Amino acid sequence: MPRIALIHALAHSVAPINHAFERDWPQASGMNLLDDSLSADLAMNGRGLDAAMHARFQALAQYAVDTGAQGILFTCSAFGPCIEAVARRHAAIPVLKPNEAMVEEARKAGARSA
């Protein structure tokens, strides 16, 4: 059973993401990490996705990996560059942004209708 770390920046993301995993991939074992200060800090600091924010994402991802996660899904798309940096550092496992699957599905649908 693969362990997938679900890293949330918003508390209200936890339940719907867990429901989707239970429905669509019941064999996966979800592991929820919530830092609900990420979005608030991004909005308040006025510096955008600075080095400190990148470090926080790296720390969350490293914690997930250290606990045995075989994949990481970040559930908030506002942090794309931070997520991409995590993906580069942890290239041995899937690290995804929440909209990546949707974009891939749209690409496939477009190719089928062309």
PDB file of N, CA and C in Angstrom:
ATOM      1  N   MET A   1       0.845  -1.169   0.000  1.00  0.00           N
ATOM      2  CA  MET A   1       0.000   0.000   0.000  1.00  0.00           C
ATOM      3  C   MET A   1       0.897   1.240   0.000  1.00  0.00           C
ATOM      4  N   PRO A   2       0.852   2.022  -1.062  1.00  0.00           N
ATOM      5  CA  PRO A   2       1.725   3.210  -1.107  1.00  0.00           C
ATOM      6  C   PRO A   2       1.264   4.285  -0.131  1.00  0.00           C
ATOM      7  N   ARG A   3       2.236   4.926   0.502  1.00  0.00           N
ATOM      8  CA  ARG A   3       1.940   6.057   1.382  1.00  0.00           C
ATOM      9  C   ARG A   3       2.134   7.332   0.570  1.00  0.00           C
ATOM     10  N   ILE A   4       1.080   8.130   0.516  1.00  0.00           N
ATOM     11  CA  ILE A   4       1.106   9.390  -0.214  1.00  0.00           C
ATOM     12  C   ILE A   4       0.927  10.524   0.787  1.00  0.00           C
ATOM     13  N   ALA A   5       1.882  11.433   0.820  1.00  0.00           N
ATOM     14  CA  ALA A   5       1.784  12.599   1.687  1.00  0.00           C
ATOM     15  C   ALA A   5       0.933  13.645   0.991  1.00  0.00           C
ATOM     16  N   LEU A   6      -0.076  14.109   1.684  1.00  0.00           N
ATOM     17  CA  LEU A   6      -0.949  15.169   1.196  1.00  0.00           C
ATOM     18  C   LEU A   6      -0.617  16.396   2.024  1.00  0.00           C
ATOM     19  N   ILE A   7       0.006  17.377   1.386  1.00  0.00           N
ATOM     20  CA  ILE A   7       0.462  18.558   2.110  1.00  0.00           C
ATOM     21  C   ILE A   7      -0.475  19.710   1.789  1.00  0.00           C
ATOM     22  N   HIS A   8      -1.139  20.197   2.841  1.00  0.00           N
ATOM     23  CA  HIS A   8      -2.200  21.186   2.719  1.00  0.00           C
ATOM     24  C   HIS A   8      -1.765  22.536   3.279  1.00  0.00           C
ATOM     25  N   ALA A   9      -2.166  23.602   2.597  1.00  0.00           N
ATOM     26  CA  ALA A   9      -1.962  24.959   3.102  1.00  0.00           C
ATOM     27  C   ALA A   9      -3.258  25.542   3.639  1.00  0.00           C
ATOM     28  N   LEU A  10      -4.359  24.876   3.402  1.00  0.00           N
ATOM     29  CA  LEU A  10      -5.676  25.356   3.843  1.00  0.00           C
ATOM     30  C   LEU A  10      -6.408  24.211   4.537  1.00  0.00           C
ATOM     31  N   ALA A  11      -6.942  24.482   5.716  1.00  0.00           N
ATOM     32  CA  ALA A  11      -7.604  23.442   6.505  1.00  0.00           C
ATOM     33  C   ALA A  11      -8.799  22.833   5.767  1.00  0.00           C
ATOM     34  N   HIS A  12      -9.518  23.641   5.003  1.00  0.00           N
ATOM     35  CA  HIS A  12     -10.705  23.108   4.330  1.00  0.00           C
ATOM     36  C   HIS A  12     -10.364  22.202   3.143  1.00  0.00           C
ATOM     37  N   SER A  13      -9.105  22.067   2.813  1.00  0.00           N
ATOM     38  CA  SER A  13      -8.698  21.165   1.725  1.00  0.00           C
ATOM     39  C   SER A  13      -8.611  19.712   2.179  1.00  0.00           C
ATOM     40  N   VAL A  14      -8.439  19.497   3.449  1.00  0.00           N
ATOM     41  CA  VAL A  14      -8.156  18.149   3.955  1.00  0.00           C
ATOM     42  C   VAL A  14      -9.286  17.172   3.648  1.00  0.00           C
ATOM     43  N   ALA A  15     -10.503  17.489   4.045  1.00  0.00           N
ATOM     44  CA  ALA A  15     -11.615  16.546   3.876  1.00  0.00           C
ATOM     45  C   ALA A  15     -11.895  16.197   2.417  1.00  0.00           C
ATOM     46  N   PRO A  16     -12.013  17.172   1.500  1.00  0.00           N
ATOM     47  CA  PRO A  16     -12.316  16.779   0.116  1.00  0.00           C
ATOM     48  C   PRO A  16     -11.204  15.970  -0.553  1.00  0.00           C
ATOM     49  N   ILE A  17      -9.961  16.289  -0.222  1.00  0.00           N
ATOM     50  CA  ILE A  17      -8.853  15.524  -0.811  1.00  0.00           C
ATOM     51  C   ILE A  17      -8.859  14.096  -0.280  1.00  0.00           C
ATOM     52  N   ASN A  18      -9.079  13.943   1.019  1.00  0.00           N
ATOM     53  CA  ASN A  18      -9.147  12.593   1.581  1.00  0.00           C
ATOM     54  C   ASN A  18     -10.316  11.809   1.002  1.00  0.00           C
ATOM     55  N   HIS A  19     -11.440  12.462   0.820  1.00  0.00           N
ATOM     56  CA  HIS A  19     -12.601  11.799   0.213  1.00  0.00           C
ATOM     57  C   HIS A  19     -12.271  11.326  -1.209  1.00  0.00           C
ATOM     58  N   ALA A  20     -11.620  12.179  -1.978  1.00  0.00           N
ATOM     59  CA  ALA A  20     -11.255  11.811  -3.349  1.00  0.00           C
ATOM     60  C   ALA A  20     -10.296  10.622  -3.361  1.00  0.00           C
ATOM     61  N   PHE A  21      -9.334  10.606  -2.446  1.00  0.00           N
ATOM     62  CA  PHE A  21      -8.408   9.475  -2.381  1.00  0.00           C
ATOM     63  C   PHE A  21      -9.143   8.196  -1.993  1.00  0.00           C
ATOM     64  N   GLU A  22     -10.036   8.264  -1.018  1.00  0.00           N
ATOM     65  CA  GLU A  22     -10.795   7.081  -0.606  1.00  0.00           C
ATOM     66  C   GLU A  22     -11.633   6.548  -1.761  1.00  0.00           C
ATOM     67  N   ARG A  23     -12.203   7.449  -2.545  1.00  0.00           N
ATOM     68  CA  ARG A  23     -13.054   7.062  -3.666  1.00  0.00           C
ATOM     69  C   ARG A  23     -12.241   6.530  -4.849  1.00  0.00           C
ATOM     70  N   ASP A  24     -11.165   7.256  -5.221  1.00  0.00           N
ATOM     71  CA  ASP A  24     -10.467   6.970  -6.466  1.00  0.00           C
ATOM     72  C   ASP A  24      -9.204   6.121  -6.314  1.00  0.00           C
ATOM     73  N   TRP A  25      -8.640   6.065  -5.123  1.00  0.00           N
ATOM     74  CA  TRP A  25      -7.423   5.275  -4.925  1.00  0.00           C
ATOM     75  C   TRP A  25      -7.419   4.705  -3.512  1.00  0.00           C
ATOM     76  N   PRO A  26      -8.361   3.817  -3.214  1.00  0.00           N
ATOM     77  CA  PRO A  26      -8.489   3.301  -1.847  1.00  0.00           C
ATOM     78  C   PRO A  26      -7.268   2.502  -1.386  1.00  0.00           C
ATOM     79  N   GLN A  27      -6.453   2.035  -2.326  1.00  0.00           N
ATOM     80  CA  GLN A  27      -5.265   1.269  -1.953  1.00  0.00           C
ATOM     81  C   GLN A  27      -4.162   2.149  -1.369  1.00  0.00           C
ATOM     82  N   ALA A  28      -4.234   3.444  -1.602  1.00  0.00           N
ATOM     83  CA  ALA A  28      -3.202   4.358  -1.092  1.00  0.00           C
ATOM     84  C   ALA A  28      -3.486   4.674   0.373  1.00  0.00           C
ATOM     85  N   SER A  29      -2.412   4.871   1.091  1.00  0.00           N
ATOM     86  CA  SER A  29      -2.505   5.310   2.476  1.00  0.00           C
ATOM     87  C   SER A  29      -2.135   6.786   2.508  1.00  0.00           C
ATOM     88  N   GLY A  30      -3.121   7.623   2.760  1.00  0.00           N
ATOM     89  CA  GLY A  30      -2.865   9.061   2.802  1.00  0.00           C
ATOM     90  C   GLY A  30      -2.274   9.487   4.132  1.00  0.00           C
ATOM     91  N   MET A  31      -1.408  10.448   4.064  1.00  0.00           N
ATOM     92  CA  MET A  31      -0.793  11.027   5.257  1.00  0.00           C
ATOM     93  C   MET A  31      -0.966  12.532   5.118  1.00  0.00           C
ATOM     94  N   ASN A  32      -1.675  13.161   6.026  1.00  0.00           N
ATOM     95  CA  ASN A  32      -1.989  14.580   5.922  1.00  0.00           C
ATOM     96  C   ASN A  32      -1.028  15.432   6.737  1.00  0.00           C
ATOM     97  N   LEU A  33      -0.454  16.419   6.070  1.00  0.00           N
ATOM     98  CA  LEU A  33       0.341  17.443   6.744  1.00  0.00           C
ATOM     99  C   LEU A  33      -0.330  18.775   6.453  1.00  0.00           C
ATOM    100  N   LEU A  34      -0.645  19.518   7.510  1.00  0.00           N
ATOM    101  CA  LEU A  34      -1.320  20.804   7.353  1.00  0.00           C
ATOM    102  C   LEU A  34      -0.476  21.894   7.976  1.00  0.00           C
ATOM    103  N   ASP A  35      -0.155  22.906   7.165  1.00  0.00           N
ATOM    104  CA  ASP A  35       0.436  24.139   7.683  1.00  0.00           C
ATOM    105  C   ASP A  35      -0.468  25.264   7.198  1.00  0.00           C
ATOM    106  N   ASP A  36      -1.475  25.572   8.017  1.00  0.00           N
ATOM    107  CA  ASP A  36      -2.456  26.560   7.586  1.00  0.00           C
ATOM    108  C   ASP A  36      -1.967  27.994   7.739  1.00  0.00           C
ATOM    109  N   SER A  37      -0.708  28.160   8.086  1.00  0.00           N
ATOM    110  CA  SER A  37      -0.136  29.509   8.102  1.00  0.00           C
ATOM    111  C   SER A  37       0.560  29.854   6.788  1.00  0.00           C
ATOM    112  N   LEU A  38       0.727  28.895   5.899  1.00  0.00           N
ATOM    113  CA  LEU A  38       1.431  29.160   4.639  1.00  0.00           C
ATOM    114  C   LEU A  38       0.744  30.257   3.828  1.00  0.00           C
ATOM    115  N   SER A  39      -0.539  30.107   3.579  1.00  0.00           N
ATOM    116  CA  SER A  39      -1.254  31.086   2.762  1.00  0.00           C
ATOM    117  C   SER A  39      -1.296  32.448   3.430  1.00  0.00           C
ATOM    118  N   ALA A  40      -1.550  32.453   4.735  1.00  0.00           N
ATOM    119  CA  ALA A  40      -1.601  33.732   5.464  1.00  0.00           C
ATOM    120  C   ALA A  40      -0.244  34.423   5.433  1.00  0.00           C
ATOM    121  N   ASP A  41       0.815  33.661   5.626  1.00  0.00           N
ATOM    122  CA  ASP A  41       2.150  34.254   5.605  1.00  0.00           C
ATOM    123  C   ASP A  41       2.513  34.762   4.222  1.00  0.00           C
ATOM    124  N   LEU A  42       2.118  34.032   3.185  1.00  0.00           N
ATOM    125  CA  LEU A  42       2.368  34.486   1.821  1.00  0.00           C
ATOM    126  C   LEU A  42       1.666  35.820   1.573  1.00  0.00           C
ATOM    127  N   ALA A  43       0.439  35.921   2.021  1.00  0.00           N
ATOM    128  CA  ALA A  43      -0.329  37.152   1.810  1.00  0.00           C
ATOM    129  C   ALA A  43       0.231  38.321   2.620  1.00  0.00           C
ATOM    130  N   MET A  44       0.741  38.046   3.800  1.00  0.00           N
ATOM    131  CA  MET A  44       1.191  39.122   4.689  1.00  0.00           C
ATOM    132  C   MET A  44       2.624  39.578   4.446  1.00  0.00           C
ATOM    133  N   ASN A  45       3.491  38.688   3.973  1.00  0.00           N
ATOM    134  CA  ASN A  45       4.913  39.056   3.947  1.00  0.00           C
ATOM    135  C   ASN A  45       5.285  39.995   2.815  1.00  0.00           C
ATOM    136  N   GLY A  46       4.498  40.050   1.764  1.00  0.00           N
ATOM    137  CA  GLY A  46       4.775  40.974   0.676  1.00  0.00           C
ATOM    138  C   GLY A  46       6.036  40.657  -0.113  1.00  0.00           C
ATOM    139  N   ARG A  47       6.669  39.544   0.184  1.00  0.00           N
ATOM    140  CA  ARG A  47       7.910  39.167  -0.516  1.00  0.00           C
ATOM    141  C   ARG A  47       7.700  38.024  -1.500  1.00  0.00           C
ATOM    142  N   GLY A  48       6.482  37.566  -1.609  1.00  0.00           N
ATOM    143  CA  GLY A  48       6.210  36.464  -2.515  1.00  0.00           C
ATOM    144  C   GLY A  48       6.812  35.171  -2.007  1.00  0.00           C
ATOM    145  N   LEU A  49       7.166  34.318  -2.932  1.00  0.00           N
ATOM    146  CA  LEU A  49       7.727  33.011  -2.594  1.00  0.00           C
ATOM    147  C   LEU A  49       9.237  33.149  -2.398  1.00  0.00           C
ATOM    148  N   ASP A  50       9.603  33.687  -1.269  1.00  0.00           N
ATOM    149  CA  ASP A  50      11.004  33.972  -0.971  1.00  0.00           C
ATOM    150  C   ASP A  50      11.726  32.721  -0.460  1.00  0.00           C
ATOM    151  N   ALA A  51      12.985  32.879  -0.109  1.00  0.00           N
ATOM    152  CA  ALA A  51      13.813  31.756   0.348  1.00  0.00           C
ATOM    153  C   ALA A  51      13.228  31.094   1.588  1.00  0.00           C
ATOM    154  N   ALA A  52      12.660  31.885   2.480  1.00  0.00           N
ATOM    155  CA  ALA A  52      12.083  31.316   3.695  1.00  0.00           C
ATOM    156  C   ALA A  52      10.888  30.415   3.357  1.00  0.00           C
ATOM    157  N   MET A  53      10.062  30.834   2.411  1.00  0.00           N
ATOM    158  CA  MET A  53       8.915  30.017   2.014  1.00  0.00           C
ATOM    159  C   MET A  53       9.391  28.738   1.325  1.00  0.00           C
ATOM    160  N   HIS A  54      10.399  28.852   0.480  1.00  0.00           N
ATOM    161  CA  HIS A  54      10.963  27.657  -0.157  1.00  0.00           C
ATOM    162  C   HIS A  54      11.497  26.688   0.893  1.00  0.00           C
ATOM    163  N   ALA A  55      12.153  27.208   1.911  1.00  0.00           N
ATOM    164  CA  ALA A  55      12.710  26.358   2.970  1.00  0.00           C
ATOM    165  C   ALA A  55      11.591  25.627   3.715  1.00  0.00           C
ATOM    166  N   ARG A  56      10.495  26.304   3.941  1.00  0.00           N
ATOM    167  CA  ARG A  56       9.362  25.656   4.615  1.00  0.00           C
ATOM    168  C   ARG A  56       8.828  24.489   3.793  1.00  0.00           C
ATOM    169  N   PHE A  57       8.726  24.680   2.489  1.00  0.00           N
ATOM    170  CA  PHE A  57       8.241  23.599   1.634  1.00  0.00           C
ATOM    171  C   PHE A  57       9.223  22.433   1.613  1.00  0.00           C
ATOM    172  N   GLN A  58      10.510  22.741   1.578  1.00  0.00           N
ATOM    173  CA  GLN A  58      11.506  21.679   1.616  1.00  0.00           C
ATOM    174  C   GLN A  58      11.420  20.901   2.929  1.00  0.00           C
ATOM    175  N   ALA A  59      11.194  21.608   4.036  1.00  0.00           N
ATOM    176  CA  ALA A  59      11.094  20.946   5.340  1.00  0.00           C
ATOM    177  C   ALA A  59       9.855  20.044   5.409  1.00  0.00           C
ATOM    178  N   LEU A  60       8.720  20.528   4.910  1.00  0.00           N
ATOM    179  CA  LEU A  60       7.514  19.706   4.889  1.00  0.00           C
ATOM    180  C   LEU A  60       7.725  18.447   4.047  1.00  0.00           C
ATOM    181  N   ALA A  61       8.319  18.622   2.879  1.00  0.00           N
ATOM    182  CA  ALA A  61       8.564  17.486   1.993  1.00  0.00           C
ATOM    183  C   ALA A  61       9.548  16.506   2.621  1.00  0.00           C
ATOM    184  N   GLN A  62      10.590  17.008   3.235  1.00  0.00           N
ATOM    185  CA  GLN A  62      11.573  16.122   3.860  1.00  0.00           C
ATOM    186  C   GLN A  62      10.939  15.322   4.993  1.00  0.00           C
ATOM    187  N   TYR A  63      10.087  15.966   5.772  1.00  0.00           N
ATOM    188  CA  TYR A  63       9.369  15.248   6.820  1.00  0.00           C
ATOM    189  C   TYR A  63       8.544  14.111   6.212  1.00  0.00           C
ATOM    190  N   ALA A  64       7.838  14.406   5.124  1.00  0.00           N
ATOM    191  CA  ALA A  64       7.027  13.386   4.466  1.00  0.00           C
ATOM    192  C   ALA A  64       7.894  12.219   4.001  1.00  0.00           C
ATOM    193  N   VAL A  65       9.002  12.525   3.369  1.00  0.00           N
ATOM    194  CA  VAL A  65       9.911  11.485   2.883  1.00  0.00           C
ATOM    195  C   VAL A  65      10.467  10.684   4.057  1.00  0.00           C
ATOM    196  N   ASP A  66      10.842  11.376   5.120  1.00  0.00           N
ATOM    197  CA  ASP A  66      11.414  10.700   6.288  1.00  0.00           C
ATOM    198  C   ASP A  66      10.426   9.755   6.961  1.00  0.00           C
ATOM    199  N   THR A  67       9.132   9.992   6.782  1.00  0.00           N
ATOM    200  CA  THR A  67       8.133   9.109   7.373  1.00  0.00           C
ATOM    201  C   THR A  67       7.670   8.021   6.400  1.00  0.00           C
ATOM    202  N   GLY A  68       8.326   7.927   5.264  1.00  0.00           N
ATOM    203  CA  GLY A  68       8.054   6.835   4.339  1.00  0.00           C
ATOM    204  C   GLY A  68       7.153   7.146   3.169  1.00  0.00           C
ATOM    205  N   ALA A  69       6.861   8.405   2.929  1.00  0.00           N
ATOM    206  CA  ALA A  69       6.002   8.743   1.791  1.00  0.00           C
ATOM    207  C   ALA A  69       6.661   8.318   0.486  1.00  0.00           C
ATOM    208  N   GLN A  70       5.859   7.719  -0.373  1.00  0.00           N
ATOM    209  CA  GLN A  70       6.336   7.290  -1.688  1.00  0.00           C
ATOM    210  C   GLN A  70       5.876   8.234  -2.784  1.00  0.00           C
ATOM    211  N   GLY A  71       5.186   9.265  -2.398  1.00  0.00           N
ATOM    212  CA  GLY A  71       4.729  10.308  -3.302  1.00  0.00           C
ATOM    213  C   GLY A  71       4.213  11.465  -2.475  1.00  0.00           C
ATOM    214  N   ILE A  72       4.221  12.655  -3.061  1.00  0.00           N
ATOM    215  CA  ILE A  72       3.747  13.854  -2.374  1.00  0.00           C
ATOM    216  C   ILE A  72       2.805  14.600  -3.302  1.00  0.00           C
ATOM    217  N   LEU A  73       1.640  14.955  -2.754  1.00  0.00           N
ATOM    218  CA  LEU A  73       0.708  15.818  -3.464  1.00  0.00           C
ATOM    219  C   LEU A  73       0.500  17.066  -2.620  1.00  0.00           C
ATOM    220  N   PHE A  74       0.895  18.202  -3.169  1.00  0.00           N
ATOM    221  CA  PHE A  74       0.593  19.481  -2.541  1.00  0.00           C
ATOM    222  C   PHE A  74      -0.800  19.869  -3.009  1.00  0.00           C
ATOM    223  N   THR A  75      -1.642  20.310  -2.096  1.00  0.00           N
ATOM    224  CA  THR A  75      -3.041  20.531  -2.446  1.00  0.00           C
ATOM    225  C   THR A  75      -3.401  21.998  -2.665  1.00  0.00           C
ATOM    226  N   CYS A  76      -2.415  22.873  -2.691  1.00  0.00           N
ATOM    227  CA  CYS A  76      -2.670  24.293  -2.944  1.00  0.00           C
ATOM    228  C   CYS A  76      -1.779  24.751  -4.095  1.00  0.00           C
ATOM    229  N   SER A  77      -2.380  25.302  -5.122  1.00  0.00           N
ATOM    230  CA  SER A  77      -1.621  25.642  -6.326  1.00  0.00           C
ATOM    231  C   SER A  77      -0.931  27.000  -6.272  1.00  0.00           C
ATOM    232  N   ALA A  78      -1.077  27.747  -5.201  1.00  0.00           N
ATOM    233  CA  ALA A  78      -0.481  29.086  -5.117  1.00  0.00           C
ATOM    234  C   ALA A  78       1.034  29.060  -4.916  1.00  0.00           C
ATOM    235  N   PHE A  79       1.597  27.889  -4.740  1.00  0.00           N
ATOM    236  CA  PHE A  79       3.008  27.769  -4.380  1.00  0.00           C
ATOM    237  C   PHE A  79       3.806  27.005  -5.433  1.00  0.00           C
ATOM    238  N   GLY A  80       3.431  27.162  -6.693  1.00  0.00           N
ATOM    239  CA  GLY A  80       4.042  26.398  -7.776  1.00  0.00           C
ATOM    240  C   GLY A  80       5.550  26.341  -7.769  1.00  0.00           C
ATOM    241  N   PRO A  81       6.261  27.463  -7.719  1.00  0.00           N
ATOM    242  CA  PRO A  81       7.723  27.397  -7.733  1.00  0.00           C
ATOM    243  C   PRO A  81       8.315  26.640  -6.540  1.00  0.00           C
ATOM    244  N   CYS A  82       7.679  26.741  -5.388  1.00  0.00           N
ATOM    245  CA  CYS A  82       8.157  25.987  -4.224  1.00  0.00           C
ATOM    246  C   CYS A  82       7.974  24.489  -4.448  1.00  0.00           C
ATOM    247  N   ILE A  83       6.832  24.120  -5.003  1.00  0.00           N
ATOM    248  CA  ILE A  83       6.540  22.710  -5.276  1.00  0.00           C
ATOM    249  C   ILE A  83       7.497  22.169  -6.336  1.00  0.00           C
ATOM    250  N   GLU A  84       7.759  22.959  -7.359  1.00  0.00           N
ATOM    251  CA  GLU A  84       8.696  22.534  -8.407  1.00  0.00           C
ATOM    252  C   GLU A  84      10.095  22.317  -7.839  1.00  0.00           C
ATOM    253  N   ALA A  85      10.512  23.152  -6.897  1.00  0.00           N
ATOM    254  CA  ALA A  85      11.820  22.972  -6.262  1.00  0.00           C
ATOM    255  C   ALA A  85      11.853  21.684  -5.442  1.00  0.00           C
ATOM    256  N   VAL A  86      10.758  21.390  -4.749  1.00  0.00           N
ATOM    257  CA  VAL A  86      10.671  20.130  -4.004  1.00  0.00           C
ATOM    258  C   VAL A  86      10.768  18.954  -4.974  1.00  0.00           C
ATOM    259  N   ALA A  87      10.074  19.044  -6.103  1.00  0.00           N
ATOM    260  CA  ALA A  87      10.098  17.961  -7.096  1.00  0.00           C
ATOM    261  C   ALA A  87      11.511  17.718  -7.610  1.00  0.00           C
ATOM    262  N   ARG A  88      12.262  18.778  -7.815  1.00  0.00           N
ATOM    263  CA  ARG A  88      13.657  18.606  -8.273  1.00  0.00           C
ATOM    264  C   ARG A  88      14.498  17.928  -7.198  1.00  0.00           C
ATOM    265  N   ARG A  89      14.312  18.320  -5.960  1.00  0.00           N
ATOM    266  CA  ARG A  89      15.112  17.746  -4.870  1.00  0.00           C
ATOM    267  C   ARG A  89      14.754  16.290  -4.603  1.00  0.00           C
ATOM    268  N   HIS A  90      13.486  15.943  -4.775  1.00  0.00           N
ATOM    269  CA  HIS A  90      13.017  14.585  -4.497  1.00  0.00           C
ATOM    270  C   HIS A  90      12.585  13.906  -5.796  1.00  0.00           C
ATOM    271  N   ALA A  91      13.450  13.944  -6.768  1.00  0.00           N
ATOM    272  CA  ALA A  91      13.130  13.423  -8.101  1.00  0.00           C
ATOM    273  C   ALA A  91      12.866  11.916  -8.110  1.00  0.00           C
ATOM    274  N   ALA A  92      13.244  11.218  -7.070  1.00  0.00           N
ATOM    275  CA  ALA A  92      13.053   9.770  -7.026  1.00  0.00           C
ATOM    276  C   ALA A  92      11.602   9.374  -6.756  1.00  0.00           C
ATOM    277  N   ILE A  93      10.769  10.326  -6.337  1.00  0.00           N
ATOM    278  CA  ILE A  93       9.357  10.031  -6.073  1.00  0.00           C
ATOM    279  C   ILE A  93       8.493  11.064  -6.790  1.00  0.00           C
ATOM    280  N   PRO A  94       7.238  10.719  -7.054  1.00  0.00           N
ATOM    281  CA  PRO A  94       6.340  11.716  -7.651  1.00  0.00           C
ATOM    282  C   PRO A  94       6.034  12.841  -6.663  1.00  0.00           C
ATOM    283  N   VAL A  95       6.207  14.061  -7.112  1.00  0.00           N
ATOM    284  CA  VAL A  95       5.839  15.257  -6.346  1.00  0.00           C
ATOM    285  C   VAL A  95       4.961  16.079  -7.271  1.00  0.00           C
ATOM    286  N   LEU A  96       3.710  16.255  -6.878  1.00  0.00           N
ATOM    287  CA  LEU A  96       2.748  16.866  -7.786  1.00  0.00           C
ATOM    288  C   LEU A  96       2.074  18.096  -7.200  1.00  0.00           C
ATOM    289  N   LYS A  97       1.744  19.001  -8.101  1.00  0.00           N
ATOM    290  CA  LYS A  97       0.887  20.139  -7.789  1.00  0.00           C
ATOM    291  C   LYS A  97      -0.551  19.668  -7.982  1.00  0.00           C
ATOM    292  N   PRO A  98      -1.514  20.311  -7.338  1.00  0.00           N
ATOM    293  CA  PRO A  98      -2.889  19.809  -7.417  1.00  0.00           C
ATOM    294  C   PRO A  98      -3.494  19.866  -8.807  1.00  0.00           C
ATOM    295  N   ASN A  99      -3.046  20.759  -9.645  1.00  0.00           N
ATOM    296  CA  ASN A  99      -3.660  20.909 -10.959  1.00  0.00           C
ATOM    297  C   ASN A  99      -2.959  20.103 -12.048  1.00  0.00           C
ATOM    298  N   GLU A 100      -1.901  19.387 -11.733  1.00  0.00           N
ATOM    299  CA  GLU A 100      -1.170  18.665 -12.779  1.00  0.00           C
ATOM    300  C   GLU A 100      -2.006  17.573 -13.439  1.00  0.00           C
ATOM    301  N   ALA A 101      -2.745  16.807 -12.664  1.00  0.00           N
ATOM    302  CA  ALA A 101      -3.564  15.750 -13.251  1.00  0.00           C
ATOM    303  C   ALA A 101      -4.655  16.348 -14.131  1.00  0.00           C
ATOM    304  N   MET A 102      -5.242  17.455 -13.689  1.00  0.00           N
ATOM    305  CA  MET A 102      -6.293  18.102 -14.464  1.00  0.00           C
ATOM    306  C   MET A 102      -5.742  18.594 -15.811  1.00  0.00           C
ATOM    307  N   VAL A 103      -4.573  19.194 -15.794  1.00  0.00           N
ATOM    308  CA  VAL A 103      -3.962  19.694 -17.023  1.00  0.00           C
ATOM    309  C   VAL A 103      -3.665  18.531 -17.963  1.00  0.00           C
ATOM    310  N   GLU A 104      -3.161  17.421 -17.424  1.00  0.00           N
ATOM    311  CA  GLU A 104      -2.863  16.262 -18.249  1.00  0.00           C
ATOM    312  C   GLU A 104      -4.143  15.683 -18.861  1.00  0.00           C
ATOM    313  N   GLU A 105      -5.207  15.614 -18.093  1.00  0.00           N
ATOM    314  CA  GLU A 105      -6.480  15.127 -18.624  1.00  0.00           C
ATOM    315  C   GLU A 105      -7.004  16.035 -19.732  1.00  0.00           C
ATOM    316  N   ALA A 106      -6.881  17.337 -19.551  1.00  0.00           N
ATOM    317  CA  ALA A 106      -7.322  18.283 -20.582  1.00  0.00           C
ATOM    318  C   ALA A 106      -6.478  18.120 -21.850  1.00  0.00           C
ATOM    319  N   ARG A 107      -5.188  17.907 -21.683  1.00  0.00           N
ATOM    320  CA  ARG A 107      -4.307  17.690 -22.842  1.00  0.00           C
ATOM    321  C   ARG A 107      -4.724  16.433 -23.595  1.00  0.00           C
ATOM    322  N   LYS A 108      -4.988  15.349 -22.861  1.00  0.00           N
ATOM    323  CA  LYS A 108      -5.404  14.091 -23.502  1.00  0.00           C
ATOM    324  C   LYS A 108      -6.737  14.265 -24.211  1.00  0.00           C
ATOM    325  N   ALA A 109      -7.682  14.976 -23.573  1.00  0.00           N
ATOM    326  CA  ALA A 109      -8.992  15.194 -24.197  1.00  0.00           C
ATOM    327  C   ALA A 109      -8.836  16.020 -25.470  1.00  0.00           C
ATOM    328  N   GLY A 110      -7.977  17.003 -25.452  1.00  0.00           N
ATOM    329  CA  GLY A 110      -7.726  17.821 -26.630  1.00  0.00           C
ATOM    330  C   GLY A 110      -7.116  17.008 -27.763  1.00  0.00           C
ATOM    331  N   ALA A 111      -6.211  16.115 -27.428  1.00  0.00           N
ATOM    332  CA  ALA A 111      -5.561  15.277 -28.434  1.00  0.00           C
ATOM    333  C   ALA A 111      -6.565  14.301 -29.050  1.00  0.00           C
ATOM    334  N   ARG A 112      -7.491  13.783 -28.238  1.00  0.00           N
ATOM    335  CA  ARG A 112      -8.502  12.846 -28.752  1.00  0.00           C
ATOM    336  C   ARG A 112      -9.476  13.541 -29.691  1.00  0.00           C
ATOM    337  N   SER A 113      -9.795  14.810 -29.425  1.00  0.00           N
ATOM    338  CA  SER A 113     -10.786  15.504 -30.245  1.00  0.00           C
ATOM    339  C   SER A 113     -10.168  16.163 -31.487  1.00  0.00           C
ATOM    340  N   ALA A 114      -8.846  16.180 -31.559  1.00  0.00           N
ATOM    341  CA  ALA A 114      -8.182  16.815 -32.701  1.00  0.00           C
ATOM    342  C   ALA A 114      -8.168  15.943 -33.925  1.00  0.00           C
TER     343      ALA A 114
END
